[in-house]
Amino acid sequence: MDLNNIVGLFKSDYLDTLKQAEQLGGVDLIATSPPYADARTYGMDCSFTDEDYQRLARGLWSALKPGGHALIN
């Protein structure tokens, strides 16, 4: 089985990645680990706000196929 034909990994801004997934027709599974209220910055000096979490939720919903799943760590 060639996993390159069934698995795709994207590394970019989360909103760009989710928009790309939506434009591809949606995905079956999304796994993500957003920053936790300044607990982690991932070396980028970033901080997620309530608005960021709302944008993430809307982006996940739009990027998933019907019956798809989102795993949020």
PDB file of N, CA and C in Angstrom:
ATOM      1  N   MET A   1       0.846  -1.171   0.000  1.00  0.00           N
ATOM      2  CA  MET A   1       0.000   0.000   0.000  1.00  0.00           C
ATOM      3  C   MET A   1       0.894   1.237   0.000  1.00  0.00           C
ATOM      4  N   ASP A   2       0.666   2.145  -0.915  1.00  0.00           N
ATOM      5  CA  ASP A   2       1.425   3.374  -1.013  1.00  0.00           C
ATOM      6  C   ASP A   2       0.712   4.459  -0.207  1.00  0.00           C
ATOM      7  N   LEU A   3       1.235   4.786   0.978  1.00  0.00           N
ATOM      8  CA  LEU A   3       0.589   5.758   1.849  1.00  0.00           C
ATOM      9  C   LEU A   3       0.620   7.165   1.277  1.00  0.00           C
ATOM     10  N   ASN A   4       1.503   7.443   0.339  1.00  0.00           N
ATOM     11  CA  ASN A   4       1.537   8.774  -0.266  1.00  0.00           C
ATOM     12  C   ASN A   4       0.245   9.096  -0.999  1.00  0.00           C
ATOM     13  N   ASN A   5      -0.494   8.096  -1.393  1.00  0.00           N
ATOM     14  CA  ASN A   5      -1.749   8.329  -2.096  1.00  0.00           C
ATOM     15  C   ASN A   5      -2.945   8.500  -1.162  1.00  0.00           C
ATOM     16  N   ILE A   6      -2.778   8.167   0.123  1.00  0.00           N
ATOM     17  CA  ILE A   6      -3.916   8.271   1.032  1.00  0.00           C
ATOM     18  C   ILE A   6      -3.642   9.144   2.251  1.00  0.00           C
ATOM     19  N   VAL A   7      -2.400   9.541   2.486  1.00  0.00           N
ATOM     20  CA  VAL A   7      -2.049  10.347   3.649  1.00  0.00           C
ATOM     21  C   VAL A   7      -1.388  11.628   3.170  1.00  0.00           C
ATOM     22  N   GLY A   8      -1.841  12.748   3.684  1.00  0.00           N
ATOM     23  CA  GLY A   8      -1.217  14.022   3.356  1.00  0.00           C
ATOM     24  C   GLY A   8      -0.915  14.790   4.626  1.00  0.00           C
ATOM     25  N   LEU A   9       0.273  15.324   4.723  1.00  0.00           N
ATOM     26  CA  LEU A   9       0.657  16.138   5.870  1.00  0.00           C
ATOM     27  C   LEU A   9       0.886  17.559   5.391  1.00  0.00           C
ATOM     28  N   PHE A  10       0.343  18.514   6.115  1.00  0.00           N
ATOM     29  CA  PHE A  10       0.497  19.921   5.788  1.00  0.00           C
ATOM     30  C   PHE A  10       1.150  20.627   6.968  1.00  0.00           C
ATOM     31  N   LYS A  11       2.111  21.486   6.696  1.00  0.00           N
ATOM     32  CA  LYS A  11       2.731  22.272   7.753  1.00  0.00           C
ATOM     33  C   LYS A  11       2.716  23.728   7.305  1.00  0.00           C
ATOM     34  N   SER A  12       1.827  24.486   7.911  1.00  0.00           N
ATOM     35  CA  SER A  12       1.713  25.909   7.619  1.00  0.00           C
ATOM     36  C   SER A  12       0.804  26.513   8.676  1.00  0.00           C
ATOM     37  N   ASP A  13       0.455  27.768   8.495  1.00  0.00           N
ATOM     38  CA  ASP A  13      -0.493  28.407   9.390  1.00  0.00           C
ATOM     39  C   ASP A  13      -1.773  27.569   9.436  1.00  0.00           C
ATOM     40  N   TYR A  14      -2.328  27.381  10.612  1.00  0.00           N
ATOM     41  CA  TYR A  14      -3.476  26.478  10.736  1.00  0.00           C
ATOM     42  C   TYR A  14      -4.663  26.904   9.888  1.00  0.00           C
ATOM     43  N   LEU A  15      -4.919  28.192   9.768  1.00  0.00           N
ATOM     44  CA  LEU A  15      -6.055  28.625   8.957  1.00  0.00           C
ATOM     45  C   LEU A  15      -5.823  28.346   7.476  1.00  0.00           C
ATOM     46  N   ASP A  16      -4.579  28.544   7.013  1.00  0.00           N
ATOM     47  CA  ASP A  16      -4.240  28.234   5.620  1.00  0.00           C
ATOM     48  C   ASP A  16      -4.384  26.744   5.343  1.00  0.00           C
ATOM     49  N   THR A  17      -3.911  25.929   6.286  1.00  0.00           N
ATOM     50  CA  THR A  17      -3.979  24.478   6.124  1.00  0.00           C
ATOM     51  C   THR A  17      -5.427  23.994   6.091  1.00  0.00           C
ATOM     52  N   LEU A  18      -6.254  24.506   7.001  1.00  0.00           N
ATOM     53  CA  LEU A  18      -7.653  24.088   7.035  1.00  0.00           C
ATOM     54  C   LEU A  18      -8.398  24.546   5.785  1.00  0.00           C
ATOM     55  N   LYS A  19      -8.089  25.737   5.293  1.00  0.00           N
ATOM     56  CA  LYS A  19      -8.719  26.224   4.062  1.00  0.00           C
ATOM     57  C   LYS A  19      -8.316  25.339   2.884  1.00  0.00           C
ATOM     58  N   GLN A  20      -7.039  24.936   2.836  1.00  0.00           N
ATOM     59  CA  GLN A  20      -6.582  24.051   1.764  1.00  0.00           C
ATOM     60  C   GLN A  20      -7.303  22.708   1.829  1.00  0.00           C
ATOM     61  N   ALA A  21      -7.470  22.171   3.031  1.00  0.00           N
ATOM     62  CA  ALA A  21      -8.187  20.901   3.191  1.00  0.00           C
ATOM     63  C   ALA A  21      -9.628  21.038   2.720  1.00  0.00           C
ATOM     64  N   GLU A  22     -10.259  22.152   3.068  1.00  0.00           N
ATOM     65  CA  GLU A  22     -11.641  22.393   2.630  1.00  0.00           C
ATOM     66  C   GLU A  22     -11.716  22.463   1.101  1.00  0.00           C
ATOM     67  N   GLN A  23     -10.766  23.152   0.488  1.00  0.00           N
ATOM     68  CA  GLN A  23     -10.758  23.296  -0.968  1.00  0.00           C
ATOM     69  C   GLN A  23     -10.501  21.971  -1.682  1.00  0.00           C
ATOM     70  N   LEU A  24      -9.838  21.044  -1.005  1.00  0.00           N
ATOM     71  CA  LEU A  24      -9.595  19.717  -1.576  1.00  0.00           C
ATOM     72  C   LEU A  24     -10.818  18.804  -1.457  1.00  0.00           C
ATOM     73  N   GLY A  25     -11.882  19.303  -0.867  1.00  0.00           N
ATOM     74  CA  GLY A  25     -13.089  18.499  -0.718  1.00  0.00           C
ATOM     75  C   GLY A  25     -13.287  17.954   0.678  1.00  0.00           C
ATOM     76  N   GLY A  26     -12.446  18.371   1.596  1.00  0.00           N
ATOM     77  CA  GLY A  26     -12.566  17.925   2.978  1.00  0.00           C
ATOM     78  C   GLY A  26     -11.691  16.728   3.272  1.00  0.00           C
ATOM     79  N   VAL A  27     -11.499  16.498   4.542  1.00  0.00           N
ATOM     80  CA  VAL A  27     -10.653  15.395   4.999  1.00  0.00           C
ATOM     81  C   VAL A  27     -11.414  14.556   6.018  1.00  0.00           C
ATOM     82  N   ASP A  28     -10.956  13.330   6.192  1.00  0.00           N
ATOM     83  CA  ASP A  28     -11.601  12.409   7.130  1.00  0.00           C
ATOM     84  C   ASP A  28     -11.137  12.607   8.568  1.00  0.00           C
ATOM     85  N   LEU A  29      -9.883  13.074   8.743  1.00  0.00           N
ATOM     86  CA  LEU A  29      -9.310  13.166  10.082  1.00  0.00           C
ATOM     87  C   LEU A  29      -8.358  14.350  10.159  1.00  0.00           C
ATOM     88  N   ILE A  30      -8.496  15.119  11.228  1.00  0.00           N
ATOM     89  CA  ILE A  30      -7.565  16.201  11.526  1.00  0.00           C
ATOM     90  C   ILE A  30      -7.069  15.986  12.946  1.00  0.00           C
ATOM     91  N   ALA A  31      -5.754  16.025  13.131  1.00  0.00           N
ATOM     92  CA  ALA A  31      -5.147  15.969  14.464  1.00  0.00           C
ATOM     93  C   ALA A  31      -4.378  17.265  14.665  1.00  0.00           C
ATOM     94  N   THR A  32      -4.631  17.929  15.781  1.00  0.00           N
ATOM     95  CA  THR A  32      -3.968  19.200  16.043  1.00  0.00           C
ATOM     96  C   THR A  32      -3.696  19.357  17.532  1.00  0.00           C
ATOM     97  N   SER A  33      -2.721  20.193  17.846  1.00  0.00           N
ATOM     98  CA  SER A  33      -2.376  20.485  19.228  1.00  0.00           C
ATOM     99  C   SER A  33      -2.129  21.986  19.354  1.00  0.00           C
ATOM    100  N   PRO A  34      -3.196  22.758  19.545  1.00  0.00           N
ATOM    101  CA  PRO A  34      -3.031  24.212  19.638  1.00  0.00           C
ATOM    102  C   PRO A  34      -2.365  24.617  20.951  1.00  0.00           C
ATOM    103  N   PRO A  35      -1.791  25.817  20.982  1.00  0.00           N
ATOM    104  CA  PRO A  35      -1.209  26.308  22.244  1.00  0.00           C
ATOM    105  C   PRO A  35      -2.275  26.409  23.330  1.00  0.00           C
ATOM    106  N   TYR A  36      -1.867  26.218  24.565  1.00  0.00           N
ATOM    107  CA  TYR A  36      -2.789  26.272  25.700  1.00  0.00           C
ATOM    108  C   TYR A  36      -2.537  27.512  26.539  1.00  0.00           C
ATOM    109  N   ALA A  37      -3.307  28.549  26.333  1.00  0.00           N
ATOM    110  CA  ALA A  37      -3.294  29.736  27.194  1.00  0.00           C
ATOM    111  C   ALA A  37      -1.890  30.101  27.673  1.00  0.00           C
ATOM    112  N   ASP A  38      -0.983  30.288  26.753  1.00  0.00           N
ATOM    113  CA  ASP A  38       0.410  30.673  27.025  1.00  0.00           C
ATOM    114  C   ASP A  38       1.251  29.556  27.638  1.00  0.00           C
ATOM    115  N   ALA A  39       0.714  28.361  27.810  1.00  0.00           N
ATOM    116  CA  ALA A  39       1.498  27.276  28.394  1.00  0.00           C
ATOM    117  C   ALA A  39       2.575  26.796  27.426  1.00  0.00           C
ATOM    118  N   ARG A  40       2.303  26.878  26.126  1.00  0.00           N
ATOM    119  CA  ARG A  40       3.270  26.472  25.110  1.00  0.00           C
ATOM    120  C   ARG A  40       3.270  27.517  24.002  1.00  0.00           C
ATOM    121  N   THR A  41       4.464  27.857  23.542  1.00  0.00           N
ATOM    122  CA  THR A  41       4.542  28.822  22.439  1.00  0.00           C
ATOM    123  C   THR A  41       5.119  28.182  21.187  1.00  0.00           C
ATOM    124  N   TYR A  42       5.592  26.953  21.281  1.00  0.00           N
ATOM    125  CA  TYR A  42       6.148  26.241  20.136  1.00  0.00           C
ATOM    126  C   TYR A  42       7.265  27.033  19.471  1.00  0.00           C
ATOM    127  N   GLY A  43       8.019  27.793  20.286  1.00  0.00           N
ATOM    128  CA  GLY A  43       9.150  28.530  19.769  1.00  0.00           C
ATOM    129  C   GLY A  43       8.780  29.702  18.882  1.00  0.00           C
ATOM    130  N   MET A  44       7.515  30.105  18.883  1.00  0.00           N
ATOM    131  CA  MET A  44       7.075  31.175  17.994  1.00  0.00           C
ATOM    132  C   MET A  44       6.512  32.367  18.760  1.00  0.00           C
ATOM    133  N   ASP A  45       6.675  32.399  20.084  1.00  0.00           N
ATOM    134  CA  ASP A  45       6.170  33.498  20.886  1.00  0.00           C
ATOM    135  C   ASP A  45       4.705  33.792  20.543  1.00  0.00           C
ATOM    136  N   CYS A  46       3.888  32.746  20.504  1.00  0.00           N
ATOM    137  CA  CYS A  46       2.487  32.931  20.148  1.00  0.00           C
ATOM    138  C   CYS A  46       1.603  32.664  21.355  1.00  0.00           C
ATOM    139  N   SER A  47       0.417  33.204  21.300  1.00  0.00           N
ATOM    140  CA  SER A  47      -0.554  33.012  22.361  1.00  0.00           C
ATOM    141  C   SER A  47      -1.933  32.906  21.720  1.00  0.00           C
ATOM    142  N   PHE A  48      -2.669  31.860  22.024  1.00  0.00           N
ATOM    143  CA  PHE A  48      -4.014  31.671  21.490  1.00  0.00           C
ATOM    144  C   PHE A  48      -5.008  32.411  22.380  1.00  0.00           C
ATOM    145  N   THR A  49      -5.910  33.108  21.750  1.00  0.00           N
ATOM    146  CA  THR A  49      -6.985  33.799  22.460  1.00  0.00           C
ATOM    147  C   THR A  49      -8.282  33.026  22.258  1.00  0.00           C
ATOM    148  N   ASP A  50      -9.331  33.464  22.932  1.00  0.00           N
ATOM    149  CA  ASP A  50     -10.638  32.831  22.724  1.00  0.00           C
ATOM    150  C   ASP A  50     -11.051  32.933  21.263  1.00  0.00           C
ATOM    151  N   GLU A  51     -10.761  34.056  20.636  1.00  0.00           N
ATOM    152  CA  GLU A  51     -11.099  34.241  19.221  1.00  0.00           C
ATOM    153  C   GLU A  51     -10.330  33.247  18.337  1.00  0.00           C
ATOM    154  N   ASP A  52      -9.070  32.984  18.695  1.00  0.00           N
ATOM    155  CA  ASP A  52      -8.286  31.998  17.936  1.00  0.00           C
ATOM    156  C   ASP A  52      -8.918  30.610  18.033  1.00  0.00           C
ATOM    157  N   TYR A  53      -9.370  30.237  19.225  1.00  0.00           N
ATOM    158  CA  TYR A  53     -10.021  28.936  19.382  1.00  0.00           C
ATOM    159  C   TYR A  53     -11.325  28.875  18.592  1.00  0.00           C
ATOM    160  N   GLN A  54     -12.050  29.979  18.523  1.00  0.00           N
ATOM    161  CA  GLN A  54     -13.277  30.013  17.733  1.00  0.00           C
ATOM    162  C   GLN A  54     -12.965  29.871  16.247  1.00  0.00           C
ATOM    163  N   ARG A  55     -11.906  30.555  15.771  1.00  0.00           N
ATOM    164  CA  ARG A  55     -11.500  30.412  14.370  1.00  0.00           C
ATOM    165  C   ARG A  55     -11.063  28.984  14.084  1.00  0.00           C
ATOM    166  N   LEU A  56     -10.344  28.381  15.031  1.00  0.00           N
ATOM    167  CA  LEU A  56      -9.917  26.991  14.863  1.00  0.00           C
ATOM    168  C   LEU A  56     -11.129  26.079  14.738  1.00  0.00           C
ATOM    169  N   ALA A  57     -12.111  26.249  15.609  1.00  0.00           N
ATOM    170  CA  ALA A  57     -13.307  25.392  15.578  1.00  0.00           C
ATOM    171  C   ALA A  57     -14.052  25.543  14.253  1.00  0.00           C
ATOM    172  N   ARG A  58     -14.231  26.779  13.795  1.00  0.00           N
ATOM    173  CA  ARG A  58     -14.921  26.994  12.518  1.00  0.00           C
ATOM    174  C   ARG A  58     -14.123  26.391  11.361  1.00  0.00           C
ATOM    175  N   GLY A  59     -12.797  26.557  11.403  1.00  0.00           N
ATOM    176  CA  GLY A  59     -11.958  25.996  10.350  1.00  0.00           C
ATOM    177  C   GLY A  59     -11.989  24.476  10.328  1.00  0.00           C
ATOM    178  N   LEU A  60     -11.956  23.858  11.520  1.00  0.00           N
ATOM    179  CA  LEU A  60     -12.039  22.394  11.595  1.00  0.00           C
ATOM    180  C   LEU A  60     -13.356  21.908  11.015  1.00  0.00           C
ATOM    181  N   TRP A  61     -14.452  22.541  11.410  1.00  0.00           N
ATOM    182  CA  TRP A  61     -15.781  22.137  10.937  1.00  0.00           C
ATOM    183  C   TRP A  61     -15.859  22.208   9.415  1.00  0.00           C
ATOM    184  N   SER A  62     -15.319  23.282   8.843  1.00  0.00           N
ATOM    185  CA  SER A  62     -15.372  23.467   7.390  1.00  0.00           C
ATOM    186  C   SER A  62     -14.470  22.498   6.642  1.00  0.00           C
ATOM    187  N   ALA A  63     -13.373  22.095   7.259  1.00  0.00           N
ATOM    188  CA  ALA A  63     -12.386  21.248   6.583  1.00  0.00           C
ATOM    189  C   ALA A  63     -12.713  19.758   6.639  1.00  0.00           C
ATOM    190  N   LEU A  64     -13.611  19.364   7.538  1.00  0.00           N
ATOM    191  CA  LEU A  64     -13.936  17.947   7.682  1.00  0.00           C
ATOM    192  C   LEU A  64     -15.020  17.517   6.690  1.00  0.00           C
ATOM    193  N   LYS A  65     -14.863  16.304   6.188  1.00  0.00           N
ATOM    194  CA  LYS A  65     -15.927  15.687   5.401  1.00  0.00           C
ATOM    195  C   LYS A  65     -17.064  15.302   6.352  1.00  0.00           C
ATOM    196  N   PRO A  66     -18.282  15.124   5.846  1.00  0.00           N
ATOM    197  CA  PRO A  66     -19.348  14.607   6.714  1.00  0.00           C
ATOM    198  C   PRO A  66     -18.900  13.283   7.350  1.00  0.00           C
ATOM    199  N   GLY A  67     -19.052  13.179   8.645  1.00  0.00           N
ATOM    200  CA  GLY A  67     -18.626  11.981   9.355  1.00  0.00           C
ATOM    201  C   GLY A  67     -17.156  11.994   9.740  1.00  0.00           C
ATOM    202  N   GLY A  68     -16.435  13.097   9.388  1.00  0.00           N
ATOM    203  CA  GLY A  68     -15.020  13.194   9.718  1.00  0.00           C
ATOM    204  C   GLY A  68     -14.802  13.449  11.206  1.00  0.00           C
ATOM    205  N   HIS A  69     -13.561  13.316  11.634  1.00  0.00           N
ATOM    206  CA  HIS A  69     -13.218  13.462  13.049  1.00  0.00           C
ATOM    207  C   HIS A  69     -12.068  14.435  13.227  1.00  0.00           C
ATOM    208  N   ALA A  70     -12.118  15.190  14.317  1.00  0.00           N
ATOM    209  CA  ALA A  70     -11.030  16.081  14.706  1.00  0.00           C
ATOM    210  C   ALA A  70     -10.518  15.648  16.061  1.00  0.00           C
ATOM    211  N   LEU A  71      -9.214  15.438  16.151  1.00  0.00           N
ATOM    212  CA  LEU A  71      -8.563  15.091  17.419  1.00  0.00           C
ATOM    213  C   LEU A  71      -7.789  16.309  17.871  1.00  0.00           C
ATOM    214  N   ILE A  72      -8.201  16.878  19.000  1.00  0.00           N
ATOM    215  CA  ILE A  72      -7.562  18.076  19.512  1.00  0.00           C
ATOM    216  C   ILE A  72      -6.889  17.727  20.824  1.00  0.00           C
ATOM    217  N   ASN A  73      -5.576  17.869  20.841  1.00  0.00           N
ATOM    218  CA  ASN A  73      -4.795  17.522  22.030  1.00  0.00           C
ATOM    219  C   ASN A  73      -4.753  18.714  22.951  1.00  0.00           C
TER     220      ASN A  73
END
